[in-house]
Amino acid sequence: ARQGLLRRPEGWAGAHGDTVTLQESLALANNPRLQSVSWEGRAQEVRALQAGLWPNPILGTETEDLSPKEPIGDFVDASSGATSTQHN
């Protein structure tokens, strides 16, 4: 067989020779069943990649002791904070 040409899949009924024509190549490239196999393989790659990544970070805020506009006794301030967590 000549180099650089695609080989016919084994078992193709009525196929002559071991290379595919341009028309056959285009038919294979546009075959929805074959395209779905390609997407299934890509989906497996993406799932494997995602499994190795850390989950999205979690951000939070907290405010305590909210002060009214006018102080009440010694109470004139509020405390606040921010948190960030990353689980692995």
Protein backbone atom coordinates (compact mmCIF):
# COMPACT_ATOMS: atom_id res chain seq x y z
CA ALA A 1 0.00 0.00 0.00
CA ARG A 2 1.10 3.57 -0.62
CA GLN A 3 2.16 5.63 2.37
CA GLY A 4 0.00 8.53 3.52
CA LEU A 5 -3.29 6.90 2.50
CA LEU A 6 -5.96 5.72 4.91
CA ARG A 7 -6.55 2.01 5.21
CA ARG A 8 -10.04 0.58 4.88
CA PRO A 9 -11.50 -0.86 8.08
CA GLU A 10 -11.27 -4.65 8.11
CA GLY A 11 -14.47 -6.36 7.12
CA TRP A 12 -15.80 -3.68 4.76
CA ALA A 13 -18.06 -5.66 2.46
CA GLY A 14 -17.30 -5.21 -1.22
CA ALA A 15 -14.20 -3.10 -0.60
CA HIS A 16 -11.46 -3.32 -3.21
CA GLY A 17 -7.90 -2.66 -2.14
CA ASP A 18 -6.73 -1.38 1.22
CA THR A 19 -7.09 2.40 0.82
CA VAL A 20 -10.14 4.65 0.98
CA THR A 21 -11.25 7.13 -1.64
CA LEU A 22 -11.84 10.82 -0.97
CA GLN A 23 -15.59 10.19 -1.05
CA GLU A 24 -15.27 7.36 1.49
CA SER A 25 -13.00 9.48 3.68
CA LEU A 26 -15.52 12.34 3.70
CA ALA A 27 -18.32 9.91 4.50
CA LEU A 28 -16.33 8.57 7.46
CA ALA A 29 -15.42 12.06 8.68
CA ASN A 30 -19.07 13.15 8.62
CA ASN A 31 -20.56 9.96 10.05
CA PRO A 32 -22.53 10.95 13.21
CA ARG A 33 -21.92 7.56 14.83
CA LEU A 34 -18.17 7.91 14.43
CA GLN A 35 -18.28 11.52 15.62
CA SER A 36 -20.09 10.45 18.79
CA VAL A 37 -17.29 7.97 19.50
CA SER A 38 -14.82 10.86 19.21
CA TRP A 39 -16.88 12.99 21.63
CA GLU A 40 -17.16 10.08 24.07
CA GLY A 41 -13.38 9.78 24.12
CA ARG A 42 -12.99 13.52 24.65
CA ALA A 43 -15.55 13.42 27.49
CA GLN A 44 -13.50 10.71 29.21
CA GLU A 45 -10.36 12.85 28.87
CA VAL A 46 -12.13 15.86 30.37
CA ARG A 47 -13.53 13.82 33.28
CA ALA A 48 -10.03 12.52 34.04
CA LEU A 49 -8.64 16.06 33.92
CA GLN A 50 -11.42 17.40 36.16
CA ALA A 51 -10.85 14.60 38.69
CA GLY A 52 -7.28 15.82 39.16
CA LEU A 53 -8.25 19.45 39.82
CA TRP A 54 -9.13 21.02 43.13
CA PRO A 55 -12.78 21.95 43.59
CA ASN A 56 -13.85 25.57 43.26
CA PRO A 57 -12.90 27.74 46.23
CA ILE A 58 -15.55 28.81 48.74
CA LEU A 59 -15.65 32.46 49.77
CA GLY A 60 -17.66 33.79 52.68
CA THR A 61 -18.22 36.92 54.73
CA GLU A 62 -19.44 37.43 58.26
CA THR A 63 -20.55 40.52 60.13
CA GLU A 64 -21.36 40.62 63.82
CA ASP A 65 -22.55 43.21 66.28
CA LEU A 66 -24.08 45.59 63.75
CA SER A 67 -24.08 49.11 65.10
CA PRO A 68 -27.17 51.26 64.84
CA LYS A 69 -26.74 54.80 63.51
CA GLU A 70 -26.63 56.07 67.07
CA PRO A 71 -24.41 54.35 69.64
CA ILE A 72 -26.11 52.43 72.42
CA GLY A 73 -23.93 52.63 75.52
CA ASP A 74 -20.47 51.34 74.69
CA PHE A 75 -21.73 49.55 71.58
CA VAL A 76 -20.55 51.65 68.63
CA ASP A 77 -18.80 49.28 66.31
CA ALA A 78 -19.20 46.11 64.33
CA SER A 79 -16.74 43.39 63.49
CA SER A 80 -16.58 41.76 60.12
CA GLY A 81 -14.41 39.21 58.44
CA ALA A 82 -13.89 37.27 55.26
CA THR A 83 -13.00 33.63 54.79
CA SER A 84 -11.70 31.56 51.93
CA THR A 85 -11.50 27.78 51.93
CA GLN A 86 -10.15 25.27 49.46
CA HIS A 87 -10.71 21.56 50.03
CA ASN A 88 -8.60 18.97 48.30
